[in-house]
């Protein structure tokens, strides 16, 4: 190979500068950590009670409003309830589950006492078909219905007649031991009793509900326990296929649940 020119090839590899991708992994990692943290927060919220969920939701709706009751405590505000369990009257803490169970037992006991009023020796045996008791998601519903020949009010009037007054007074004796608020609803059938256009079944249903309220308060029910008094006229018929059925004329007492879950 003498006399031949030797060519030398030099290969230069371009290096990557520090500024090209040196920080890209940090951005990806930060996004991953942020997503993971968001997931943990969502899982934490899902496991909390309704009070905490409402407080968190309120915070995101109105961030300027403080979520905490007091700077010294971590109890969140949500309709007056805190993140901490309520304290039992006898000491210690009561969870929402325990509170709902306690209230449920109290409502069931009240319902059983009311049923006993229409049993033998209860004093209201002849009203057995006129009292309907039901535990609903809203509370203990007590329907006092009229029947043919056994009305609770004078015809087309809000004047109570026997035996509604003593029945309401007896019911007060049972409900007095409960702390729950009470709602009263008045209902009529679809018959028009008044010739006056200014006095309809709307006014009649409200007046009858108020008559029941006055008896309960006269028996000792504190006025502050009364949540509402409502007249529905004939809009919520118990027997929709029989709009003139006397059972549609009724007074409803609703013992409202304090704890719902």
C-alpha atoms as a PDB file:
ATOM      1  CA  UNK A   1       0.000   0.000   0.000  1.00  0.00           C
ATOM      2  CA  UNK A   2       3.002   2.235  -0.260  1.00  0.00           C
ATOM      3  CA  UNK A   3       2.444   5.414  -2.106  1.00  0.00           C
ATOM      4  CA  UNK A   4      -1.261   5.370  -1.562  1.00  0.00           C
ATOM      5  CA  UNK A   5      -2.788   8.190   0.368  1.00  0.00           C
ATOM      6  CA  UNK A   6      -4.390   7.131   3.581  1.00  0.00           C
ATOM      7  CA  UNK A   7      -7.620   8.900   4.220  1.00  0.00           C
ATOM      8  CA  UNK A   8      -8.734   9.285   7.822  1.00  0.00           C
ATOM      9  CA  UNK A   9     -12.480   9.710   8.469  1.00  0.00           C
ATOM     10  CA  UNK A  10     -13.369  11.524  11.605  1.00  0.00           C
ATOM     11  CA  UNK A  11     -16.924  10.991  12.877  1.00  0.00           C
ATOM     12  CA  UNK A  12     -18.208  13.612  15.202  1.00  0.00           C
ATOM     13  CA  UNK A  13     -21.277  12.732  17.331  1.00  0.00           C
ATOM     14  CA  UNK A  14     -23.497  15.609  18.281  1.00  0.00           C
ATOM     15  CA  UNK A  15     -24.136  15.671  21.961  1.00  0.00           C
ATOM     16  CA  UNK A  16     -27.424  16.759  23.528  1.00  0.00           C
ATOM     17  CA  UNK A  17     -27.232  19.979  25.372  1.00  0.00           C
ATOM     18  CA  UNK A  18     -28.488  20.198  28.908  1.00  0.00           C
ATOM     19  CA  UNK A  19     -31.261  22.541  27.858  1.00  0.00           C
ATOM     20  CA  UNK A  20     -32.919  20.244  25.321  1.00  0.00           C
ATOM     21  CA  UNK A  21     -34.575  17.539  27.504  1.00  0.00           C
ATOM     22  CA  UNK A  22     -32.928  17.681  30.874  1.00  0.00           C
ATOM     23  CA  UNK A  23     -36.099  18.944  32.667  1.00  0.00           C
ATOM     24  CA  UNK A  24     -38.800  17.128  30.682  1.00  0.00           C
ATOM     25  CA  UNK A  25     -38.994  14.181  33.090  1.00  0.00           C
ATOM     26  CA  UNK A  26     -39.528  16.575  35.973  1.00  0.00           C
ATOM     27  CA  UNK A  27     -42.628  18.018  34.342  1.00  0.00           C
ATOM     28  CA  UNK A  28     -44.037  14.556  33.674  1.00  0.00           C
ATOM     29  CA  UNK A  29     -43.285  13.480  37.230  1.00  0.00           C
ATOM     30  CA  UNK A  30     -44.941  16.615  38.640  1.00  0.00           C
ATOM     31  CA  UNK A  31     -48.065  15.927  36.566  1.00  0.00           C
ATOM     32  CA  UNK A  32     -48.156  12.354  37.844  1.00  0.00           C
ATOM     33  CA  UNK A  33     -47.819  13.418  41.487  1.00  0.00           C
ATOM     34  CA  UNK A  34     -50.527  16.071  41.061  1.00  0.00           C
ATOM     35  CA  UNK A  35     -52.904  13.514  39.542  1.00  0.00           C
ATOM     36  CA  UNK A  36     -52.145  11.045  42.313  1.00  0.00           C
ATOM     37  CA  UNK A  37     -52.804  13.670  44.972  1.00  0.00           C
ATOM     38  CA  UNK A  38     -56.113  14.603  43.311  1.00  0.00           C
ATOM     39  CA  UNK A  39     -57.087  10.928  43.331  1.00  0.00           C
ATOM     40  CA  UNK A  40     -56.308  10.618  47.049  1.00  0.00           C
ATOM     41  CA  UNK A  41     -58.387  13.730  47.793  1.00  0.00           C
ATOM     42  CA  UNK A  42     -61.353  12.350  45.844  1.00  0.00           C
ATOM     43  CA  UNK A  43     -61.097   8.983  47.630  1.00  0.00           C
ATOM     44  CA  UNK A  44     -60.939  10.792  50.993  1.00  0.00           C
ATOM     45  CA  UNK A  45     -64.028  12.883  50.220  1.00  0.00           C
ATOM     46  CA  UNK A  46     -65.985   9.822  49.064  1.00  0.00           C
ATOM     47  CA  UNK A  47     -65.353   8.195  52.428  1.00  0.00           C
ATOM     48  CA  UNK A  48     -66.565  11.181  54.473  1.00  0.00           C
ATOM     49  CA  UNK A  49     -70.032  11.908  55.838  1.00  0.00           C
ATOM     50  CA  UNK A  50     -72.546  14.253  54.224  1.00  0.00           C
ATOM     51  CA  UNK A  51     -71.526  17.194  56.407  1.00  0.00           C
ATOM     52  CA  UNK A  52     -67.931  17.096  55.163  1.00  0.00           C
ATOM     53  CA  UNK A  53     -69.012  16.637  51.540  1.00  0.00           C
ATOM     54  CA  UNK A  54     -71.307  19.637  51.780  1.00  0.00           C
ATOM     55  CA  UNK A  55     -68.581  21.732  53.363  1.00  0.00           C
ATOM     56  CA  UNK A  56     -66.067  20.848  50.648  1.00  0.00           C
ATOM     57  CA  UNK A  57     -68.632  21.536  47.925  1.00  0.00           C
ATOM     58  CA  UNK A  58     -69.458  24.887  49.522  1.00  0.00           C
ATOM     59  CA  UNK A  59     -65.768  25.776  49.608  1.00  0.00           C
ATOM     60  CA  UNK A  60     -65.343  25.151  45.886  1.00  0.00           C
ATOM     61  CA  UNK A  61     -68.517  27.070  45.097  1.00  0.00           C
ATOM     62  CA  UNK A  62     -67.493  30.053  47.207  1.00  0.00           C
ATOM     63  CA  UNK A  63     -63.757  29.853  48.036  1.00  0.00           C
ATOM     64  CA  UNK A  64     -63.876  33.209  49.801  1.00  0.00           C
ATOM     65  CA  UNK A  65     -66.099  31.788  52.543  1.00  0.00           C
ATOM     66  CA  UNK A  66     -64.218  30.146  55.387  1.00  0.00           C
ATOM     67  CA  UNK A  67     -64.821  26.419  55.670  1.00  0.00           C
ATOM     68  CA  UNK A  68     -63.814  26.118  59.306  1.00  0.00           C
ATOM     69  CA  UNK A  69     -65.880  27.055  62.296  1.00  0.00           C
ATOM     70  CA  UNK A  70     -62.978  28.283  64.325  1.00  0.00           C
ATOM     71  CA  UNK A  71     -59.278  28.731  63.638  1.00  0.00           C
ATOM     72  CA  UNK A  72     -58.524  26.548  66.659  1.00  0.00           C
ATOM     73  CA  UNK A  73     -60.496  23.579  65.386  1.00  0.00           C
ATOM     74  CA  UNK A  74     -60.700  21.512  62.229  1.00  0.00           C
ATOM     75  CA  UNK A  75     -64.478  21.175  62.406  1.00  0.00           C
ATOM     76  CA  UNK A  76     -66.022  22.098  59.064  1.00  0.00           C
ATOM     77  CA  UNK A  77     -69.237  23.995  58.810  1.00  0.00           C
ATOM     78  CA  UNK A  78     -72.073  22.505  56.790  1.00  0.00           C
ATOM     79  CA  UNK A  79     -75.544  23.551  57.815  1.00  0.00           C
ATOM     80  CA  UNK A  80     -74.426  23.775  61.421  1.00  0.00           C
ATOM     81  CA  UNK A  81     -72.827  20.322  61.515  1.00  0.00           C
ATOM     82  CA  UNK A  82     -69.126  19.778  61.926  1.00  0.00           C
ATOM     83  CA  UNK A  83     -66.622  17.273  60.675  1.00  0.00           C
ATOM     84  CA  UNK A  84     -66.360  15.881  64.196  1.00  0.00           C
ATOM     85  CA  UNK A  85     -69.046  13.484  65.491  1.00  0.00           C
ATOM     86  CA  UNK A  86     -71.720  14.898  67.762  1.00  0.00           C
ATOM     87  CA  UNK A  87     -71.311  14.491  71.499  1.00  0.00           C
ATOM     88  CA  UNK A  88     -73.671  12.141  73.279  1.00  0.00           C
ATOM     89  CA  UNK A  89     -75.764  13.562  76.121  1.00  0.00           C
ATOM     90  CA  UNK A  90     -74.091  11.131  78.505  1.00  0.00           C
ATOM     91  CA  UNK A  91     -70.604  11.879  77.263  1.00  0.00           C
ATOM     92  CA  UNK A  92     -68.496  10.548  74.437  1.00  0.00           C
ATOM     93  CA  UNK A  93     -68.988  10.969  70.707  1.00  0.00           C
ATOM     94  CA  UNK A  94     -71.889   9.768  68.623  1.00  0.00           C
ATOM     95  CA  UNK A  95     -71.358   8.954  64.976  1.00  0.00           C
ATOM     96  CA  UNK A  96     -73.886   9.737  62.259  1.00  0.00           C
ATOM     97  CA  UNK A  97     -74.661   6.040  61.906  1.00  0.00           C
ATOM     98  CA  UNK A  98     -75.373   5.692  65.618  1.00  0.00           C
ATOM     99  CA  UNK A  99     -77.450   8.861  65.596  1.00  0.00           C
ATOM    100  CA  UNK A 100     -79.593   7.661  62.700  1.00  0.00           C
ATOM    101  CA  UNK A 101     -80.069   4.269  64.344  1.00  0.00           C
ATOM    102  CA  UNK A 102     -81.100   5.889  67.633  1.00  0.00           C
ATOM    103  CA  UNK A 103     -83.575   8.160  65.889  1.00  0.00           C
ATOM    104  CA  UNK A 104     -84.989   5.268  63.859  1.00  0.00           C
ATOM    105  CA  UNK A 105     -85.673   3.293  67.043  1.00  0.00           C
ATOM    106  CA  UNK A 106     -87.368   6.284  68.647  1.00  0.00           C
ATOM    107  CA  UNK A 107     -89.634   6.800  65.625  1.00  0.00           C
ATOM    108  CA  UNK A 108     -90.495   3.094  65.505  1.00  0.00           C
ATOM    109  CA  UNK A 109     -91.378   3.129  69.208  1.00  0.00           C
ATOM    110  CA  UNK A 110     -93.614   6.169  68.684  1.00  0.00           C
ATOM    111  CA  UNK A 111     -95.302   4.457  65.737  1.00  0.00           C
ATOM    112  CA  UNK A 112     -95.985   1.357  67.846  1.00  0.00           C
ATOM    113  CA  UNK A 113     -97.500   3.450  70.654  1.00  0.00           C
ATOM    114  CA  UNK A 114     -99.804   5.131  68.154  1.00  0.00           C
ATOM    115  CA  UNK A 115    -100.874   1.762  66.755  1.00  0.00           C
ATOM    116  CA  UNK A 116    -101.710   0.636  70.273  1.00  0.00           C
ATOM    117  CA  UNK A 117    -104.231   3.470  70.563  1.00  0.00           C
ATOM    118  CA  UNK A 118    -106.502   1.592  68.166  1.00  0.00           C
ATOM    119  CA  UNK A 119    -105.992  -1.787  69.811  1.00  0.00           C
ATOM    120  CA  UNK A 120    -108.246  -3.177  72.522  1.00  0.00           C
ATOM    121  CA  UNK A 121    -108.108  -0.890  75.528  1.00  0.00           C
ATOM    122  CA  UNK A 122    -106.356   1.875  73.631  1.00  0.00           C
ATOM    123  CA  UNK A 123    -109.338   4.204  73.778  1.00  0.00           C
ATOM    124  CA  UNK A 124    -109.598   4.792  70.011  1.00  0.00           C
ATOM    125  CA  UNK A 125    -110.513   1.338  68.789  1.00  0.00           C
ATOM    126  CA  UNK A 126    -113.232   2.662  66.488  1.00  0.00           C
ATOM    127  CA  UNK A 127    -110.628   4.735  64.584  1.00  0.00           C
ATOM    128  CA  UNK A 128    -108.479   1.795  63.551  1.00  0.00           C
ATOM    129  CA  UNK A 129    -109.360   2.251  59.868  1.00  0.00           C
ATOM    130  CA  UNK A 130    -108.824   6.009  60.040  1.00  0.00           C
ATOM    131  CA  UNK A 131    -105.240   6.153  61.282  1.00  0.00           C
ATOM    132  CA  UNK A 132    -102.468   5.220  58.897  1.00  0.00           C
ATOM    133  CA  UNK A 133     -98.855   5.186  60.115  1.00  0.00           C
ATOM    134  CA  UNK A 134     -95.835   4.976  57.868  1.00  0.00           C
ATOM    135  CA  UNK A 135     -92.087   5.448  58.293  1.00  0.00           C
ATOM    136  CA  UNK A 136     -90.733   7.260  55.253  1.00  0.00           C
ATOM    137  CA  UNK A 137     -87.426   8.785  54.225  1.00  0.00           C
ATOM    138  CA  UNK A 138     -88.760  12.119  55.480  1.00  0.00           C
ATOM    139  CA  UNK A 139     -89.922  10.866  58.846  1.00  0.00           C
ATOM    140  CA  UNK A 140     -92.895   9.337  60.681  1.00  0.00           C
ATOM    141  CA  UNK A 141     -96.075  10.070  58.733  1.00  0.00           C
ATOM    142  CA  UNK A 142     -99.393   9.886  60.586  1.00  0.00           C
ATOM    143  CA  UNK A 143    -102.506  10.153  58.412  1.00  0.00           C
ATOM    144  CA  UNK A 144    -105.818  10.927  60.166  1.00  0.00           C
ATOM    145  CA  UNK A 145    -108.514  10.196  57.597  1.00  0.00           C
ATOM    146  CA  UNK A 146    -112.257  10.765  57.637  1.00  0.00           C
ATOM    147  CA  UNK A 147    -114.788   8.066  56.826  1.00  0.00           C
ATOM    148  CA  UNK A 148    -118.459   8.115  55.951  1.00  0.00           C
ATOM    149  CA  UNK A 149    -120.306   8.792  59.174  1.00  0.00           C
ATOM    150  CA  UNK A 150    -117.043   9.455  61.056  1.00  0.00           C
ATOM    151  CA  UNK A 151    -115.837  12.958  60.148  1.00  0.00           C
ATOM    152  CA  UNK A 152    -113.212  14.973  61.986  1.00  0.00           C
ATOM    153  CA  UNK A 153    -114.516  18.414  60.963  1.00  0.00           C
ATOM    154  CA  UNK A 154    -117.864  20.036  60.374  1.00  0.00           C
ATOM    155  CA  UNK A 155    -118.817  19.875  56.700  1.00  0.00           C
ATOM    156  CA  UNK A 156    -116.922  22.482  54.684  1.00  0.00           C
ATOM    157  CA  UNK A 157    -115.483  23.942  57.890  1.00  0.00           C
ATOM    158  CA  UNK A 158    -112.292  23.944  59.944  1.00  0.00           C
ATOM    159  CA  UNK A 159    -114.208  23.380  63.193  1.00  0.00           C
ATOM    160  CA  UNK A 160    -112.978  20.179  64.855  1.00  0.00           C
ATOM    161  CA  UNK A 161    -115.491  17.673  66.157  1.00  0.00           C
ATOM    162  CA  UNK A 162    -115.114  14.613  68.344  1.00  0.00           C
ATOM    163  CA  UNK A 163    -112.989  12.509  68.315  1.00  0.00           C
ATOM    164  CA  UNK A 164    -110.239  14.479  66.554  1.00  0.00           C
ATOM    165  CA  UNK A 165    -109.449  16.792  69.477  1.00  0.00           C
ATOM    166  CA  UNK A 166    -108.853  14.037  72.077  1.00  0.00           C
ATOM    167  CA  UNK A 167    -106.963  12.026  69.461  1.00  0.00           C
ATOM    168  CA  UNK A 168    -104.598  14.921  68.739  1.00  0.00           C
ATOM    169  CA  UNK A 169    -104.091  15.482  72.457  1.00  0.00           C
ATOM    170  CA  UNK A 170    -103.231  11.810  72.884  1.00  0.00           C
ATOM    171  CA  UNK A 171    -100.822  11.958  69.957  1.00  0.00           C
ATOM    172  CA  UNK A 172     -99.122  14.945  71.546  1.00  0.00           C
ATOM    173  CA  UNK A 173     -98.504  12.857  74.652  1.00  0.00           C
ATOM    174  CA  UNK A 174     -96.634  10.343  72.503  1.00  0.00           C
ATOM    175  CA  UNK A 175     -94.743  12.834  70.339  1.00  0.00           C
ATOM    176  CA  UNK A 176     -93.783  15.096  73.251  1.00  0.00           C
ATOM    177  CA  UNK A 177     -90.889  12.795  74.106  1.00  0.00           C
ATOM    178  CA  UNK A 178     -89.300  13.284  70.692  1.00  0.00           C
ATOM    179  CA  UNK A 179     -87.071  16.262  69.829  1.00  0.00           C
ATOM    180  CA  UNK A 180     -88.061  16.222  66.141  1.00  0.00           C
ATOM    181  CA  UNK A 181     -89.766  19.076  64.369  1.00  0.00           C
ATOM    182  CA  UNK A 182     -93.327  18.487  63.188  1.00  0.00           C
ATOM    183  CA  UNK A 183     -95.090  19.456  59.966  1.00  0.00           C
ATOM    184  CA  UNK A 184     -98.868  19.502  59.588  1.00  0.00           C
ATOM    185  CA  UNK A 185    -100.637  19.127  56.259  1.00  0.00           C
ATOM    186  CA  UNK A 186    -104.303  19.582  55.471  1.00  0.00           C
ATOM    187  CA  UNK A 187    -106.057  17.759  52.609  1.00  0.00           C
ATOM    188  CA  UNK A 188    -109.556  17.882  51.176  1.00  0.00           C
ATOM    189  CA  UNK A 189    -111.441  15.817  48.627  1.00  0.00           C
ATOM    190  CA  UNK A 190    -112.464  17.319  45.285  1.00  0.00           C
ATOM    191  CA  UNK A 191    -115.923  18.419  46.422  1.00  0.00           C
ATOM    192  CA  UNK A 192    -116.577  22.159  46.474  1.00  0.00           C
ATOM    193  CA  UNK A 193    -118.222  23.076  49.769  1.00  0.00           C
ATOM    194  CA  UNK A 194    -118.335  26.834  49.545  1.00  0.00           C
ATOM    195  CA  UNK A 195    -120.174  29.058  47.107  1.00  0.00           C
ATOM    196  CA  UNK A 196    -117.695  31.839  47.781  1.00  0.00           C
ATOM    197  CA  UNK A 197    -115.033  32.130  45.136  1.00  0.00           C
ATOM    198  CA  UNK A 198    -112.653  33.617  47.691  1.00  0.00           C
ATOM    199  CA  UNK A 199    -112.856  30.557  49.974  1.00  0.00           C
ATOM    200  CA  UNK A 200    -111.797  27.377  48.226  1.00  0.00           C
ATOM    201  CA  UNK A 201    -110.417  24.005  49.217  1.00  0.00           C
ATOM    202  CA  UNK A 202    -107.011  25.676  49.422  1.00  0.00           C
ATOM    203  CA  UNK A 203    -108.138  27.888  52.280  1.00  0.00           C
ATOM    204  CA  UNK A 204    -110.129  25.065  53.854  1.00  0.00           C
ATOM    205  CA  UNK A 205    -107.147  22.669  53.886  1.00  0.00           C
ATOM    206  CA  UNK A 206    -104.871  25.301  55.450  1.00  0.00           C
ATOM    207  CA  UNK A 207    -107.470  26.243  58.061  1.00  0.00           C
ATOM    208  CA  UNK A 208    -107.959  22.617  59.064  1.00  0.00           C
ATOM    209  CA  UNK A 209    -104.210  22.121  59.400  1.00  0.00           C
ATOM    210  CA  UNK A 210    -104.024  25.216  61.586  1.00  0.00           C
ATOM    211  CA  UNK A 211    -106.888  23.942  63.730  1.00  0.00           C
ATOM    212  CA  UNK A 212    -104.893  20.774  64.373  1.00  0.00           C
ATOM    213  CA  UNK A 213    -101.800  22.853  65.153  1.00  0.00           C
ATOM    214  CA  UNK A 214    -103.689  24.905  67.757  1.00  0.00           C
ATOM    215  CA  UNK A 215    -104.856  21.745  69.522  1.00  0.00           C
ATOM    216  CA  UNK A 216    -101.315  20.336  69.650  1.00  0.00           C
ATOM    217  CA  UNK A 217     -99.856  23.595  70.919  1.00  0.00           C
ATOM    218  CA  UNK A 218    -102.701  23.897  73.419  1.00  0.00           C
ATOM    219  CA  UNK A 219    -101.751  20.429  74.678  1.00  0.00           C
ATOM    220  CA  UNK A 220     -98.194  21.629  75.285  1.00  0.00           C
ATOM    221  CA  UNK A 221     -96.309  21.292  71.994  1.00  0.00           C
ATOM    222  CA  UNK A 222     -93.673  24.071  71.882  1.00  0.00           C
ATOM    223  CA  UNK A 223     -94.295  26.440  68.982  1.00  0.00           C
ATOM    224  CA  UNK A 224     -90.630  26.211  67.923  1.00  0.00           C
ATOM    225  CA  UNK A 225     -91.082  22.519  67.117  1.00  0.00           C
ATOM    226  CA  UNK A 226     -93.569  23.405  64.393  1.00  0.00           C
ATOM    227  CA  UNK A 227     -91.702  23.299  61.087  1.00  0.00           C
ATOM    228  CA  UNK A 228     -94.550  24.167  58.729  1.00  0.00           C
ATOM    229  CA  UNK A 229     -98.316  24.172  58.299  1.00  0.00           C
ATOM    230  CA  UNK A 230     -99.427  23.467  54.744  1.00  0.00           C
ATOM    231  CA  UNK A 231    -102.706  23.081  52.862  1.00  0.00           C
ATOM    232  CA  UNK A 232    -102.727  20.916  49.724  1.00  0.00           C
ATOM    233  CA  UNK A 233    -106.448  21.174  48.880  1.00  0.00           C
ATOM    234  CA  UNK A 234    -107.233  18.157  46.653  1.00  0.00           C
ATOM    235  CA  UNK A 235    -103.875  18.064  44.883  1.00  0.00           C
ATOM    236  CA  UNK A 236    -102.536  15.038  46.786  1.00  0.00           C
ATOM    237  CA  UNK A 237    -105.516  12.701  46.867  1.00  0.00           C
ATOM    238  CA  UNK A 238    -105.008   9.513  48.830  1.00  0.00           C
ATOM    239  CA  UNK A 239    -107.465   7.778  46.507  1.00  0.00           C
ATOM    240  CA  UNK A 240    -106.816   9.415  43.149  1.00  0.00           C
ATOM    241  CA  UNK A 241    -109.320   7.176  41.354  1.00  0.00           C
ATOM    242  CA  UNK A 242    -112.029   8.244  43.832  1.00  0.00           C
ATOM    243  CA  UNK A 243    -111.654  12.032  44.201  1.00  0.00           C
ATOM    244  CA  UNK A 244    -114.789  12.311  46.368  1.00  0.00           C
ATOM    245  CA  UNK A 245    -113.786   9.504  48.748  1.00  0.00           C
ATOM    246  CA  UNK A 246    -113.975  10.744  52.364  1.00  0.00           C
ATOM    247  CA  UNK A 247    -110.544   9.235  53.014  1.00  0.00           C
ATOM    248  CA  UNK A 248    -109.082  12.037  50.945  1.00  0.00           C
ATOM    249  CA  UNK A 249    -110.180  14.462  53.661  1.00  0.00           C
ATOM    250  CA  UNK A 250    -107.387  14.113  56.144  1.00  0.00           C
ATOM    251  CA  UNK A 251    -104.832  15.723  58.414  1.00  0.00           C
ATOM    252  CA  UNK A 252    -101.225  14.568  58.136  1.00  0.00           C
ATOM    253  CA  UNK A 253     -98.746  14.865  60.985  1.00  0.00           C
ATOM    254  CA  UNK A 254     -95.171  14.422  59.865  1.00  0.00           C
ATOM    255  CA  UNK A 255     -92.453  13.916  62.480  1.00  0.00           C
ATOM    256  CA  UNK A 256     -89.397  15.037  60.529  1.00  0.00           C
ATOM    257  CA  UNK A 257     -86.155  13.143  60.714  1.00  0.00           C
ATOM    258  CA  UNK A 258     -83.219  15.093  62.137  1.00  0.00           C
ATOM    259  CA  UNK A 259     -80.668  12.753  60.590  1.00  0.00           C
ATOM    260  CA  UNK A 260     -80.895  11.474  57.044  1.00  0.00           C
ATOM    261  CA  UNK A 261     -78.435   9.216  55.335  1.00  0.00           C
END
